[in-house]
Structure formats: structure tokens, C-alpha cells
Amino acid sequence: MSGLGAWNYIIIIFLMMTGLYMVISSSNLIKKMIGLNVFQTSVFFLYISFGYIAGGAGPVLVEGQELYSNPLPHVLILTAIVVGVAVTAVGLALAVRIREEFGTVEEDELHKMDSSL
């Protein structure tokens, strides 16, 4: 457990639930993308919290150091950040095209237009 005790996990759960609520409750596509990003950021924090070891050093062999932090969670998060930025860019590009084509980014209005065709 990190030096913060359980507080970091409480904050992570709060961010996860906030992001999930934003995705479920909002009908605006942009707000849904923001909610997905908040949820994704909370997962990043969760993995980084798992990779932290109190008193651990970086994975470089140093004389007298016996406790090392695992670098794998941090490497996975770097990859996830790149993928997350790409997904966000594509999602926002789709939202712009939907707005240009249909004049709205509200999911409810898009469903009404779809059912009327």
C-alpha cells in the first residue's frame, strides 16, 4: 500500500464512478467522450498505484538495494495513454462529422431521426 494508505484507492473509485455516471447519464456525445476519458484516467491511476512499492527503487541494480518497483505497469500505462489519445481523437472526429451531417450531437435526437426514416 502506498504512503497515502487507502485514500488513493478511494479517489480512484470516485473517479471511476464519476466517469461511468457521465457515460450512462448523458445523451450528448461529447460529454460521453469526456466521461470515458475520466474513467480511463482512473484506470491509469489504479495501475500506477499497483506498481508503486514503498521504499522500492527503480529497476536498476544498486548495491545495498533489495526492493525494486516493477516497471511493467508504468510501461503498460504509457501504451494505454497513446491508445487513449488516438481513440479520443477518432471519437471527437466522428462527433464533428455527426454534427455536420445531422446538426446535433444529442443521442436522443439522433435516435428520433433514425426512427423517423
PDB file of N, CA and C in Angstrom:
ATOM      1  N   MET A   1       0.856  -1.166   0.000  1.00  0.00           N
ATOM      2  CA  MET A   1       0.000   0.000   0.000  1.00  0.00           C
ATOM      3  C   MET A   1       0.902   1.229   0.000  1.00  0.00           C
ATOM      4  N   SER A   2       0.479   2.255  -0.672  1.00  0.00           N
ATOM      5  CA  SER A   2       1.324   3.445  -0.795  1.00  0.00           C
ATOM      6  C   SER A   2       1.303   4.262   0.485  1.00  0.00           C
ATOM      7  N   GLY A   3       2.068   5.340   0.486  1.00  0.00           N
ATOM      8  CA  GLY A   3       2.151   6.201   1.656  1.00  0.00           C
ATOM      9  C   GLY A   3       0.832   6.895   1.974  1.00  0.00           C
ATOM     10  N   LEU A   4      -0.060   6.964   1.006  1.00  0.00           N
ATOM     11  CA  LEU A   4      -1.355   7.595   1.243  1.00  0.00           C
ATOM     12  C   LEU A   4      -2.347   6.670   1.928  1.00  0.00           C
ATOM     13  N   GLY A   5      -2.001   5.427   2.100  1.00  0.00           N
ATOM     14  CA  GLY A   5      -2.939   4.469   2.674  1.00  0.00           C
ATOM     15  C   GLY A   5      -3.979   4.101   1.635  1.00  0.00           C
ATOM     16  N   ALA A   6      -5.220   4.124   2.017  1.00  0.00           N
ATOM     17  CA  ALA A   6      -6.300   3.751   1.102  1.00  0.00           C
ATOM     18  C   ALA A   6      -6.893   4.952   0.378  1.00  0.00           C
ATOM     19  N   TRP A   7      -6.429   6.156   0.665  1.00  0.00           N
ATOM     20  CA  TRP A   7      -7.012   7.351   0.053  1.00  0.00           C
ATOM     21  C   TRP A   7      -6.896   7.349  -1.460  1.00  0.00           C
ATOM     22  N   ASN A   8      -5.772   6.889  -1.980  1.00  0.00           N
ATOM     23  CA  ASN A   8      -5.643   6.880  -3.435  1.00  0.00           C
ATOM     24  C   ASN A   8      -6.674   5.952  -4.071  1.00  0.00           C
ATOM     25  N   TYR A   9      -6.993   4.832  -3.430  1.00  0.00           N
ATOM     26  CA  TYR A   9      -7.992   3.922  -3.980  1.00  0.00           C
ATOM     27  C   TYR A   9      -9.401   4.510  -3.868  1.00  0.00           C
ATOM     28  N   ILE A  10      -9.662   5.250  -2.827  1.00  0.00           N
ATOM     29  CA  ILE A  10     -10.965   5.917  -2.686  1.00  0.00           C
ATOM     30  C   ILE A  10     -11.131   6.954  -3.786  1.00  0.00           C
ATOM     31  N   ILE A  11     -10.085   7.722  -4.058  1.00  0.00           N
ATOM     32  CA  ILE A  11     -10.137   8.723  -5.121  1.00  0.00           C
ATOM     33  C   ILE A  11     -10.307   8.043  -6.475  1.00  0.00           C
ATOM     34  N   ILE A  12      -9.619   6.931  -6.684  1.00  0.00           N
ATOM     35  CA  ILE A  12      -9.741   6.194  -7.945  1.00  0.00           C
ATOM     36  C   ILE A  12     -11.160   5.690  -8.147  1.00  0.00           C
ATOM     37  N   ILE A  13     -11.760   5.135  -7.111  1.00  0.00           N
ATOM     38  CA  ILE A  13     -13.140   4.641  -7.213  1.00  0.00           C
ATOM     39  C   ILE A  13     -14.094   5.800  -7.479  1.00  0.00           C
ATOM     40  N   PHE A  14     -13.871   6.940  -6.835  1.00  0.00           N
ATOM     41  CA  PHE A  14     -14.700   8.118  -7.088  1.00  0.00           C
ATOM     42  C   PHE A  14     -14.603   8.551  -8.554  1.00  0.00           C
ATOM     43  N   LEU A  15     -13.384   8.594  -9.090  1.00  0.00           N
ATOM     44  CA  LEU A  15     -13.207   8.970 -10.494  1.00  0.00           C
ATOM     45  C   LEU A  15     -13.855   7.954 -11.429  1.00  0.00           C
ATOM     46  N   MET A  16     -13.724   6.663 -11.111  1.00  0.00           N
ATOM     47  CA  MET A  16     -14.349   5.636 -11.941  1.00  0.00           C
ATOM     48  C   MET A  16     -15.867   5.801 -11.981  1.00  0.00           C
ATOM     49  N   MET A  17     -16.452   5.985 -10.820  1.00  0.00           N
ATOM     50  CA  MET A  17     -17.908   6.120 -10.762  1.00  0.00           C
ATOM     51  C   MET A  17     -18.379   7.414 -11.425  1.00  0.00           C
ATOM     52  N   THR A  18     -17.589   8.476 -11.297  1.00  0.00           N
ATOM     53  CA  THR A  18     -17.941   9.734 -11.955  1.00  0.00           C
ATOM     54  C   THR A  18     -17.921   9.561 -13.467  1.00  0.00           C
ATOM     55  N   GLY A  19     -16.866   8.945 -13.990  1.00  0.00           N
ATOM     56  CA  GLY A  19     -16.777   8.706 -15.427  1.00  0.00           C
ATOM     57  C   GLY A  19     -17.880   7.800 -15.926  1.00  0.00           C
ATOM     58  N   LEU A  20     -18.168   6.735 -15.194  1.00  0.00           N
ATOM     59  CA  LEU A  20     -19.238   5.821 -15.580  1.00  0.00           C
ATOM     60  C   LEU A  20     -20.590   6.521 -15.572  1.00  0.00           C
ATOM     61  N   TYR A  21     -20.841   7.346 -14.564  1.00  0.00           N
ATOM     62  CA  TYR A  21     -22.094   8.098 -14.497  1.00  0.00           C
ATOM     63  C   TYR A  21     -22.227   9.049 -15.687  1.00  0.00           C
ATOM     64  N   MET A  22     -21.118   9.699 -16.052  1.00  0.00           N
ATOM     65  CA  MET A  22     -21.162  10.618 -17.188  1.00  0.00           C
ATOM     66  C   MET A  22     -21.494   9.881 -18.482  1.00  0.00           C
ATOM     67  N   VAL A  23     -20.954   8.690 -18.651  1.00  0.00           N
ATOM     68  CA  VAL A  23     -21.220   7.921 -19.870  1.00  0.00           C
ATOM     69  C   VAL A  23     -22.673   7.456 -19.904  1.00  0.00           C
ATOM     70  N   ILE A  24     -23.180   6.998 -18.776  1.00  0.00           N
ATOM     71  CA  ILE A  24     -24.535   6.439 -18.741  1.00  0.00           C
ATOM     72  C   ILE A  24     -25.604   7.527 -18.774  1.00  0.00           C
ATOM     73  N   SER A  25     -25.404   8.614 -18.044  1.00  0.00           N
ATOM     74  CA  SER A  25     -26.480   9.588 -17.870  1.00  0.00           C
ATOM     75  C   SER A  25     -26.589  10.614 -18.989  1.00  0.00           C
ATOM     76  N   SER A  26     -25.532  10.899 -19.683  1.00  0.00           N
ATOM     77  CA  SER A  26     -25.552  11.962 -20.675  1.00  0.00           C
ATOM     78  C   SER A  26     -25.959  11.430 -22.039  1.00  0.00           C
ATOM     79  N   SER A  27     -26.725  12.228 -22.763  1.00  0.00           N
ATOM     80  CA  SER A  27     -27.064  11.851 -24.133  1.00  0.00           C
ATOM     81  C   SER A  27     -26.214  12.630 -25.132  1.00  0.00           C
ATOM     82  N   ASN A  28     -25.393  13.543 -24.649  1.00  0.00           N
ATOM     83  CA  ASN A  28     -24.503  14.323 -25.505  1.00  0.00           C
ATOM     84  C   ASN A  28     -23.246  13.501 -25.774  1.00  0.00           C
ATOM     85  N   LEU A  29     -22.900  13.350 -27.053  1.00  0.00           N
ATOM     86  CA  LEU A  29     -21.767  12.502 -27.419  1.00  0.00           C
ATOM     87  C   LEU A  29     -20.436  13.054 -26.909  1.00  0.00           C
ATOM     88  N   ILE A  30     -20.287  14.365 -26.867  1.00  0.00           N
ATOM     89  CA  ILE A  30     -19.052  14.975 -26.370  1.00  0.00           C
ATOM     90  C   ILE A  30     -18.904  14.699 -24.870  1.00  0.00           C
ATOM     91  N   LYS A  31     -19.999  14.834 -24.122  1.00  0.00           N
ATOM     92  CA  LYS A  31     -19.951  14.553 -22.680  1.00  0.00           C
ATOM     93  C   LYS A  31     -19.644  13.084 -22.422  1.00  0.00           C
ATOM     94  N   LYS A  32     -20.139  12.200 -23.291  1.00  0.00           N
ATOM     95  CA  LYS A  32     -19.806  10.781 -23.157  1.00  0.00           C
ATOM     96  C   LYS A  32     -18.310  10.555 -23.362  1.00  0.00           C
ATOM     97  N   MET A  33     -17.719  11.254 -24.318  1.00  0.00           N
ATOM     98  CA  MET A  33     -16.273  11.130 -24.543  1.00  0.00           C
ATOM     99  C   MET A  33     -15.494  11.632 -23.337  1.00  0.00           C
ATOM    100  N   ILE A  34     -15.940  12.724 -22.737  1.00  0.00           N
ATOM    101  CA  ILE A  34     -15.286  13.241 -21.535  1.00  0.00           C
ATOM    102  C   ILE A  34     -15.393  12.224 -20.401  1.00  0.00           C
ATOM    103  N   GLY A  35     -16.572  11.614 -20.241  1.00  0.00           N
ATOM    104  CA  GLY A  35     -16.759  10.586 -19.219  1.00  0.00           C
ATOM    105  C   GLY A  35     -15.850   9.391 -19.439  1.00  0.00           C
ATOM    106  N   LEU A  36     -15.693   8.976 -20.700  1.00  0.00           N
ATOM    107  CA  LEU A  36     -14.777   7.873 -21.000  1.00  0.00           C
ATOM    108  C   LEU A  36     -13.345   8.241 -20.641  1.00  0.00           C
ATOM    109  N   ASN A  37     -12.959   9.486 -20.890  1.00  0.00           N
ATOM    110  CA  ASN A  37     -11.598   9.917 -20.550  1.00  0.00           C
ATOM    111  C   ASN A  37     -11.387   9.962 -19.036  1.00  0.00           C
ATOM    112  N   VAL A  38     -12.393  10.386 -18.290  1.00  0.00           N
ATOM    113  CA  VAL A  38     -12.281  10.396 -16.827  1.00  0.00           C
ATOM    114  C   VAL A  38     -12.144   8.965 -16.312  1.00  0.00           C
ATOM    115  N   PHE A  39     -12.960   8.059 -16.839  1.00  0.00           N
ATOM    116  CA  PHE A  39     -12.879   6.659 -16.435  1.00  0.00           C
ATOM    117  C   PHE A  39     -11.513   6.072 -16.786  1.00  0.00           C
ATOM    118  N   GLN A  40     -11.044   6.383 -17.982  1.00  0.00           N
ATOM    119  CA  GLN A  40      -9.751   5.875 -18.428  1.00  0.00           C
ATOM    120  C   GLN A  40      -8.617   6.395 -17.544  1.00  0.00           C
ATOM    121  N   THR A  41      -8.677   7.652 -17.160  1.00  0.00           N
ATOM    122  CA  THR A  41      -7.656   8.221 -16.287  1.00  0.00           C
ATOM    123  C   THR A  41      -7.656   7.538 -14.928  1.00  0.00           C
ATOM    124  N   SER A  42      -8.838   7.192 -14.419  1.00  0.00           N
ATOM    125  CA  SER A  42      -8.892   6.498 -13.130  1.00  0.00           C
ATOM    126  C   SER A  42      -8.242   5.115 -13.233  1.00  0.00           C
ATOM    127  N   VAL A  43      -8.396   4.459 -14.367  1.00  0.00           N
ATOM    128  CA  VAL A  43      -7.741   3.160 -14.555  1.00  0.00           C
ATOM    129  C   VAL A  43      -6.224   3.333 -14.609  1.00  0.00           C
ATOM    130  N   PHE A  44      -5.758   4.413 -15.230  1.00  0.00           N
ATOM    131  CA  PHE A  44      -4.317   4.698 -15.243  1.00  0.00           C
ATOM    132  C   PHE A  44      -3.803   4.845 -13.815  1.00  0.00           C
ATOM    133  N   PHE A  45      -4.513   5.628 -13.006  1.00  0.00           N
ATOM    134  CA  PHE A  45      -4.102   5.823 -11.615  1.00  0.00           C
ATOM    135  C   PHE A  45      -4.110   4.502 -10.845  1.00  0.00           C
ATOM    136  N   LEU A  46      -5.086   3.652 -11.135  1.00  0.00           N
ATOM    137  CA  LEU A  46      -5.170   2.359 -10.457  1.00  0.00           C
ATOM    138  C   LEU A  46      -3.941   1.500 -10.767  1.00  0.00           C
ATOM    139  N   TYR A  47      -3.578   1.415 -12.033  1.00  0.00           N
ATOM    140  CA  TYR A  47      -2.406   0.618 -12.401  1.00  0.00           C
ATOM    141  C   TYR A  47      -1.124   1.194 -11.812  1.00  0.00           C
ATOM    142  N   ILE A  48      -1.004   2.510 -11.817  1.00  0.00           N
ATOM    143  CA  ILE A  48       0.190   3.128 -11.248  1.00  0.00           C
ATOM    144  C   ILE A  48       0.247   2.868  -9.743  1.00  0.00           C
ATOM    145  N   SER A  49      -0.899   2.883  -9.069  1.00  0.00           N
ATOM    146  CA  SER A  49      -0.934   2.575  -7.634  1.00  0.00           C
ATOM    147  C   SER A  49      -0.495   1.144  -7.367  1.00  0.00           C
ATOM    148  N   PHE A  50      -0.899   0.219  -8.243  1.00  0.00           N
ATOM    149  CA  PHE A  50      -0.484  -1.175  -8.078  1.00  0.00           C
ATOM    150  C   PHE A  50       1.018  -1.327  -8.248  1.00  0.00           C
ATOM    151  N   GLY A  51       1.616  -0.529  -9.114  1.00  0.00           N
ATOM    152  CA  GLY A  51       3.038  -0.659  -9.405  1.00  0.00           C
ATOM    153  C   GLY A  51       3.941   0.001  -8.391  1.00  0.00           C
ATOM    154  N   TYR A  52       3.372   0.794  -7.491  1.00  0.00           N
ATOM    155  CA  TYR A  52       4.176   1.507  -6.500  1.00  0.00           C
ATOM    156  C   TYR A  52       4.524   0.581  -5.334  1.00  0.00           C
ATOM    157  N   ILE A  53       5.783   0.622  -4.927  1.00  0.00           N
ATOM    158  CA  ILE A  53       6.230  -0.136  -3.758  1.00  0.00           C
ATOM    159  C   ILE A  53       6.930   0.841  -2.820  1.00  0.00           C
ATOM    160  N   ALA A  54       6.434   0.958  -1.603  1.00  0.00           N
ATOM    161  CA  ALA A  54       7.035   1.875  -0.636  1.00  0.00           C
ATOM    162  C   ALA A  54       8.467   1.438  -0.343  1.00  0.00           C
ATOM    163  N   GLY A  55       9.386   2.340  -0.508  1.00  0.00           N
ATOM    164  CA  GLY A  55      10.789   2.042  -0.244  1.00  0.00           C
ATOM    165  C   GLY A  55      11.498   1.358  -1.395  1.00  0.00           C
ATOM    166  N   GLY A  56      10.786   1.102  -2.477  1.00  0.00           N
ATOM    167  CA  GLY A  56      11.381   0.429  -3.620  1.00  0.00           C
ATOM    168  C   GLY A  56      12.123   1.404  -4.513  1.00  0.00           C
ATOM    169  N   ALA A  57      13.140   0.918  -5.167  1.00  0.00           N
ATOM    170  CA  ALA A  57      13.923   1.726  -6.092  1.00  0.00           C
ATOM    171  C   ALA A  57      13.537   1.362  -7.515  1.00  0.00           C
ATOM    172  N   GLY A  58      14.037   2.134  -8.450  1.00  0.00           N
ATOM    173  CA  GLY A  58      13.849   1.806  -9.845  1.00  0.00           C
ATOM    174  C   GLY A  58      14.538   0.499 -10.173  1.00  0.00           C
ATOM    175  N   PRO A  59      14.166  -0.130 -11.288  1.00  0.00           N
ATOM    176  CA  PRO A  59      14.713  -1.449 -11.599  1.00  0.00           C
ATOM    177  C   PRO A  59      16.154  -1.385 -12.136  1.00  0.00           C
ATOM    178  N   VAL A  60      17.022  -0.734 -11.394  1.00  0.00           N
ATOM    179  CA  VAL A  60      18.436  -0.654 -11.734  1.00  0.00           C
ATOM    180  C   VAL A  60      19.196  -1.261 -10.563  1.00  0.00           C
ATOM    181  N   LEU A  61      20.075  -2.198 -10.857  1.00  0.00           N
ATOM    182  CA  LEU A  61      20.810  -2.875  -9.790  1.00  0.00           C
ATOM    183  C   LEU A  61      21.746  -1.903  -9.091  1.00  0.00           C
ATOM    184  N   VAL A  62      21.496  -1.702  -7.808  1.00  0.00           N
ATOM    185  CA  VAL A  62      22.317  -0.823  -6.976  1.00  0.00           C
ATOM    186  C   VAL A  62      22.755  -1.636  -5.765  1.00  0.00           C
ATOM    187  N   GLU A  63      23.980  -1.480  -5.401  1.00  0.00           N
ATOM    188  CA  GLU A  63      24.490  -2.226  -4.264  1.00  0.00           C
ATOM    189  C   GLU A  63      23.761  -1.801  -2.992  1.00  0.00           C
ATOM    190  N   GLY A  64      23.279  -2.762  -2.229  1.00  0.00           N
ATOM    191  CA  GLY A  64      22.587  -2.483  -0.981  1.00  0.00           C
ATOM    192  C   GLY A  64      21.078  -2.351  -1.131  1.00  0.00           C
ATOM    193  N   GLN A  65      20.577  -2.252  -2.339  1.00  0.00           N
ATOM    194  CA  GLN A  65      19.133  -2.127  -2.574  1.00  0.00           C
ATOM    195  C   GLN A  65      18.571  -3.510  -2.889  1.00  0.00           C
ATOM    196  N   GLU A  66      17.537  -3.896  -2.153  1.00  0.00           N
ATOM    197  CA  GLU A  66      16.950  -5.219  -2.366  1.00  0.00           C
ATOM    198  C   GLU A  66      15.503  -5.171  -2.813  1.00  0.00           C
ATOM    199  N   LEU A  67      14.859  -4.011  -2.704  1.00  0.00           N
ATOM    200  CA  LEU A  67      13.451  -3.880  -3.053  1.00  0.00           C
ATOM    201  C   LEU A  67      13.326  -2.990  -4.287  1.00  0.00           C
ATOM    202  N   TYR A  68      12.743  -3.541  -5.340  1.00  0.00           N
ATOM    203  CA  TYR A  68      12.619  -2.807  -6.596  1.00  0.00           C
ATOM    204  C   TYR A  68      11.153  -2.707  -7.007  1.00  0.00           C
ATOM    205  N   SER A  69      10.804  -1.600  -7.667  1.00  0.00           N
ATOM    206  CA  SER A  69       9.466  -1.432  -8.229  1.00  0.00           C
ATOM    207  C   SER A  69       9.410  -2.102  -9.594  1.00  0.00           C
ATOM    208  N   ASN A  70       8.281  -2.688  -9.893  1.00  0.00           N
ATOM    209  CA  ASN A  70       8.077  -3.333 -11.181  1.00  0.00           C
ATOM    210  C   ASN A  70       7.769  -2.259 -12.228  1.00  0.00           C
ATOM    211  N   PRO A  71       8.534  -2.169 -13.313  1.00  0.00           N
ATOM    212  CA  PRO A  71       8.281  -1.140 -14.323  1.00  0.00           C
ATOM    213  C   PRO A  71       7.159  -1.500 -15.296  1.00  0.00           C
ATOM    214  N   LEU A  72       6.693  -2.727 -15.299  1.00  0.00           N
ATOM    215  CA  LEU A  72       5.702  -3.159 -16.273  1.00  0.00           C
ATOM    216  C   LEU A  72       4.396  -2.354 -16.218  1.00  0.00           C
ATOM    217  N   PRO A  73       3.797  -2.090 -15.047  1.00  0.00           N
ATOM    218  CA  PRO A  73       2.563  -1.290 -15.039  1.00  0.00           C
ATOM    219  C   PRO A  73       2.761   0.100 -15.656  1.00  0.00           C
ATOM    220  N   HIS A  74       3.913   0.695 -15.433  1.00  0.00           N
ATOM    221  CA  HIS A  74       4.153   2.026 -15.977  1.00  0.00           C
ATOM    222  C   HIS A  74       4.298   1.986 -17.493  1.00  0.00           C
ATOM    223  N   VAL A  75       4.928   0.949 -18.004  1.00  0.00           N
ATOM    224  CA  VAL A  75       5.065   0.794 -19.449  1.00  0.00           C
ATOM    225  C   VAL A  75       3.702   0.550 -20.085  1.00  0.00           C
ATOM    226  N   LEU A  76       2.884  -0.271 -19.448  1.00  0.00           N
ATOM    227  CA  LEU A  76       1.539  -0.524 -19.968  1.00  0.00           C
ATOM    228  C   LEU A  76       0.702   0.755 -19.986  1.00  0.00           C
ATOM    229  N   ILE A  77       0.866   1.590 -18.983  1.00  0.00           N
ATOM    230  CA  ILE A  77       0.110   2.840 -18.925  1.00  0.00           C
ATOM    231  C   ILE A  77       0.558   3.788 -20.020  1.00  0.00           C
ATOM    232  N   LEU A  78       1.846   3.852 -20.308  1.00  0.00           N
ATOM    233  CA  LEU A  78       2.312   4.693 -21.406  1.00  0.00           C
ATOM    234  C   LEU A  78       1.669   4.268 -22.723  1.00  0.00           C
ATOM    235  N   THR A  79       1.593   2.974 -22.956  1.00  0.00           N
ATOM    236  CA  THR A  79       0.937   2.475 -24.160  1.00  0.00           C
ATOM    237  C   THR A  79      -0.548   2.803 -24.139  1.00  0.00           C
ATOM    238  N   ALA A  80      -1.188   2.648 -22.996  1.00  0.00           N
ATOM    239  CA  ALA A  80      -2.618   2.932 -22.884  1.00  0.00           C
ATOM    240  C   ALA A  80      -2.915   4.419 -23.094  1.00  0.00           C
ATOM    241  N   ILE A  81      -2.019   5.288 -22.669  1.00  0.00           N
ATOM    242  CA  ILE A  81      -2.217   6.721 -22.885  1.00  0.00           C
ATOM    243  C   ILE A  81      -2.205   7.036 -24.373  1.00  0.00           C
ATOM    244  N   VAL A  82      -1.274   6.452 -25.103  1.00  0.00           N
ATOM    245  CA  VAL A  82      -1.202   6.685 -26.549  1.00  0.00           C
ATOM    246  C   VAL A  82      -2.464   6.170 -27.230  1.00  0.00           C
ATOM    247  N   VAL A  83      -2.898   4.979 -26.874  1.00  0.00           N
ATOM    248  CA  VAL A  83      -4.117   4.421 -27.454  1.00  0.00           C
ATOM    249  C   VAL A  83      -5.323   5.279 -27.074  1.00  0.00           C
ATOM    250  N   GLY A  84      -5.374   5.740 -25.818  1.00  0.00           N
ATOM    251  CA  GLY A  84      -6.484   6.579 -25.368  1.00  0.00           C
ATOM    252  C   GLY A  84      -6.575   7.891 -26.121  1.00  0.00           C
ATOM    253  N   VAL A  85      -5.439   8.513 -26.392  1.00  0.00           N
ATOM    254  CA  VAL A  85      -5.439   9.763 -27.165  1.00  0.00           C
ATOM    255  C   VAL A  85      -5.944   9.509 -28.580  1.00  0.00           C
ATOM    256  N   ALA A  86      -5.524   8.397 -29.182  1.00  0.00           N
ATOM    257  CA  ALA A  86      -5.980   8.071 -30.527  1.00  0.00           C
ATOM    258  C   ALA A  86      -7.484   7.800 -30.561  1.00  0.00           C
ATOM    259  N   VAL A  87      -7.982   7.058 -29.590  1.00  0.00           N
ATOM    260  CA  VAL A  87      -9.420   6.766 -29.525  1.00  0.00           C
ATOM    261  C   VAL A  87     -10.223   8.043 -29.305  1.00  0.00           C
ATOM    262  N   THR A  88      -9.722   8.923 -28.457  1.00  0.00           N
ATOM    263  CA  THR A  88     -10.406  10.191 -28.219  1.00  0.00           C
ATOM    264  C   THR A  88     -10.443  11.031 -29.491  1.00  0.00           C
ATOM    265  N   ALA A  89      -9.341  11.074 -30.205  1.00  0.00           N
ATOM    266  CA  ALA A  89      -9.295  11.842 -31.448  1.00  0.00           C
ATOM    267  C   ALA A  89     -10.296  11.303 -32.474  1.00  0.00           C
ATOM    268  N   VAL A  90     -10.363   9.996 -32.624  1.00  0.00           N
ATOM    269  CA  VAL A  90     -11.313   9.399 -33.564  1.00  0.00           C
ATOM    270  C   VAL A  90     -12.749   9.648 -33.105  1.00  0.00           C
ATOM    271  N   GLY A  91     -13.016   9.500 -31.817  1.00  0.00           N
ATOM    272  CA  GLY A  91     -14.366   9.743 -31.289  1.00  0.00           C
ATOM    273  C   GLY A  91     -14.812  11.179 -31.493  1.00  0.00           C
ATOM    274  N   LEU A  92     -13.916  12.131 -31.236  1.00  0.00           N
ATOM    275  CA  LEU A  92     -14.271  13.532 -31.444  1.00  0.00           C
ATOM    276  C   LEU A  92     -14.433  13.857 -32.930  1.00  0.00           C
ATOM    277  N   ALA A  93     -13.618  13.240 -33.786  1.00  0.00           N
ATOM    278  CA  ALA A  93     -13.777  13.431 -35.224  1.00  0.00           C
ATOM    279  C   ALA A  93     -15.132  12.898 -35.699  1.00  0.00           C
ATOM    280  N   LEU A  94     -15.535  11.753 -35.169  1.00  0.00           N
ATOM    281  CA  LEU A  94     -16.854  11.218 -35.502  1.00  0.00           C
ATOM    282  C   LEU A  94     -17.973  12.133 -35.009  1.00  0.00           C
ATOM    283  N   ALA A  95     -17.800  12.698 -33.822  1.00  0.00           N
ATOM    284  CA  ALA A  95     -18.811  13.615 -33.291  1.00  0.00           C
ATOM    285  C   ALA A  95     -18.927  14.859 -34.170  1.00  0.00           C
ATOM    286  N   VAL A  96     -17.809  15.352 -34.673  1.00  0.00           N
ATOM    287  CA  VAL A  96     -17.837  16.516 -35.574  1.00  0.00           C
ATOM    288  C   VAL A  96     -18.571  16.162 -36.862  1.00  0.00           C
ATOM    289  N   ARG A  97     -18.285  14.999 -37.425  1.00  0.00           N
ATOM    290  CA  ARG A  97     -18.965  14.577 -38.660  1.00  0.00           C
ATOM    291  C   ARG A  97     -20.462  14.359 -38.427  1.00  0.00           C
ATOM    292  N   ILE A  98     -20.820  13.788 -37.292  1.00  0.00           N
ATOM    293  CA  ILE A  98     -22.243  13.602 -36.973  1.00  0.00           C
ATOM    294  C   ILE A  98     -22.930  14.950 -36.853  1.00  0.00           C
ATOM    295  N   ARG A  99     -22.262  15.898 -36.206  1.00  0.00           N
ATOM    296  CA  ARG A  99     -22.831  17.246 -36.067  1.00  0.00           C
ATOM    297  C   ARG A  99     -23.000  17.914 -37.428  1.00  0.00           C
ATOM    298  N   GLU A 100     -22.014  17.757 -38.312  1.00  0.00           N
ATOM    299  CA  GLU A 100     -22.126  18.340 -39.651  1.00  0.00           C
ATOM    300  C   GLU A 100     -23.257  17.706 -40.452  1.00  0.00           C
ATOM    301  N   GLU A 101     -23.419  16.396 -40.317  1.00  0.00           N
ATOM    302  CA  GLU A 101     -24.411  15.679 -41.111  1.00  0.00           C
ATOM    303  C   GLU A 101     -25.833  15.836 -40.579  1.00  0.00           C
ATOM    304  N   PHE A 102     -25.997  15.751 -39.249  1.00  0.00           N
ATOM    305  CA  PHE A 102     -27.338  15.732 -38.663  1.00  0.00           C
ATOM    306  C   PHE A 102     -27.697  16.984 -37.872  1.00  0.00           C
ATOM    307  N   GLY A 103     -26.717  17.846 -37.598  1.00  0.00           N
ATOM    308  CA  GLY A 103     -26.995  19.085 -36.891  1.00  0.00           C
ATOM    309  C   GLY A 103     -27.101  18.962 -35.387  1.00  0.00           C
ATOM    310  N   THR A 104     -26.773  17.816 -34.838  1.00  0.00           N
ATOM    311  CA  THR A 104     -26.849  17.624 -33.388  1.00  0.00           C
ATOM    312  C   THR A 104     -25.870  16.536 -32.954  1.00  0.00           C
ATOM    313  N   VAL A 105     -25.492  16.583 -31.688  1.00  0.00           N
ATOM    314  CA  VAL A 105     -24.695  15.507 -31.090  1.00  0.00           C
ATOM    315  C   VAL A 105     -25.443  14.886 -29.920  1.00  0.00           C
ATOM    316  N   GLU A 106     -26.724  15.176 -29.811  1.00  0.00           N
ATOM    317  CA  GLU A 106     -27.564  14.590 -28.761  1.00  0.00           C
ATOM    318  C   GLU A 106     -28.062  13.224 -29.233  1.00  0.00           C
ATOM    319  N   GLU A 107     -27.776  12.209 -28.433  1.00  0.00           N
ATOM    320  CA  GLU A 107     -28.119  10.838 -28.802  1.00  0.00           C
ATOM    321  C   GLU A 107     -29.627  10.635 -28.952  1.00  0.00           C
ATOM    322  N   ASP A 108     -30.423  11.269 -28.091  1.00  0.00           N
ATOM    323  CA  ASP A 108     -31.875  11.123 -28.162  1.00  0.00           C
ATOM    324  C   ASP A 108     -32.418  11.659 -29.487  1.00  0.00           C
ATOM    325  N   GLU A 109     -31.923  12.822 -29.900  1.00  0.00           N
ATOM    326  CA  GLU A 109     -32.375  13.408 -31.157  1.00  0.00           C
ATOM    327  C   GLU A 109     -31.941  12.562 -32.353  1.00  0.00           C
ATOM    328  N   LEU A 110     -30.759  11.967 -32.272  1.00  0.00           N
ATOM    329  CA  LEU A 110     -30.299  11.107 -33.358  1.00  0.00           C
ATOM    330  C   LEU A 110     -31.166   9.856 -33.467  1.00  0.00           C
ATOM    331  N   HIS A 111     -31.586   9.304 -32.332  1.00  0.00           N
ATOM    332  CA  HIS A 111     -32.484   8.133 -32.354  1.00  0.00           C
ATOM    333  C   HIS A 111     -33.833   8.507 -32.945  1.00  0.00           C
ATOM    334  N   LYS A 112     -34.343   9.701 -32.624  1.00  0.00           N
ATOM    335  CA  LYS A 112     -35.620  10.147 -33.210  1.00  0.00           C
ATOM    336  C   LYS A 112     -35.519  10.293 -34.718  1.00  0.00           C
ATOM    337  N   MET A 113     -34.384  10.848 -35.179  1.00  0.00           N
ATOM    338  CA  MET A 113     -34.183  10.987 -36.632  1.00  0.00           C
ATOM    339  C   MET A 113     -34.090   9.626 -37.287  1.00  0.00           C
ATOM    340  N   ASP A 114     -33.451   8.667 -36.644  1.00  0.00           N
ATOM    341  CA  ASP A 114     -33.279   7.337 -37.196  1.00  0.00           C
ATOM    342  C   ASP A 114     -34.609   6.607 -37.270  1.00  0.00           C
ATOM    343  N   SER A 115     -35.458   6.766 -36.279  1.00  0.00           N
ATOM    344  CA  SER A 115     -36.754   6.055 -36.278  1.00  0.00           C
ATOM    345  C   SER A 115     -37.748   6.687 -37.234  1.00  0.00           C
ATOM    346  N   SER A 116     -37.538   7.954 -37.578  1.00  0.00           N
ATOM    347  CA  SER A 116     -38.474   8.613 -38.494  1.00  0.00           C
ATOM    348  C   SER A 116     -38.148   8.299 -39.953  1.00  0.00           C
ATOM    349  N   LEU A 117     -36.991   7.747 -40.242  1.00  0.00           N
ATOM    350  CA  LEU A 117     -36.623   7.430 -41.630  1.00  0.00           C
ATOM    351  C   LEU A 117     -37.219   6.153 -42.099  1.00  0.00           C
TER     352      LEU A 117
END
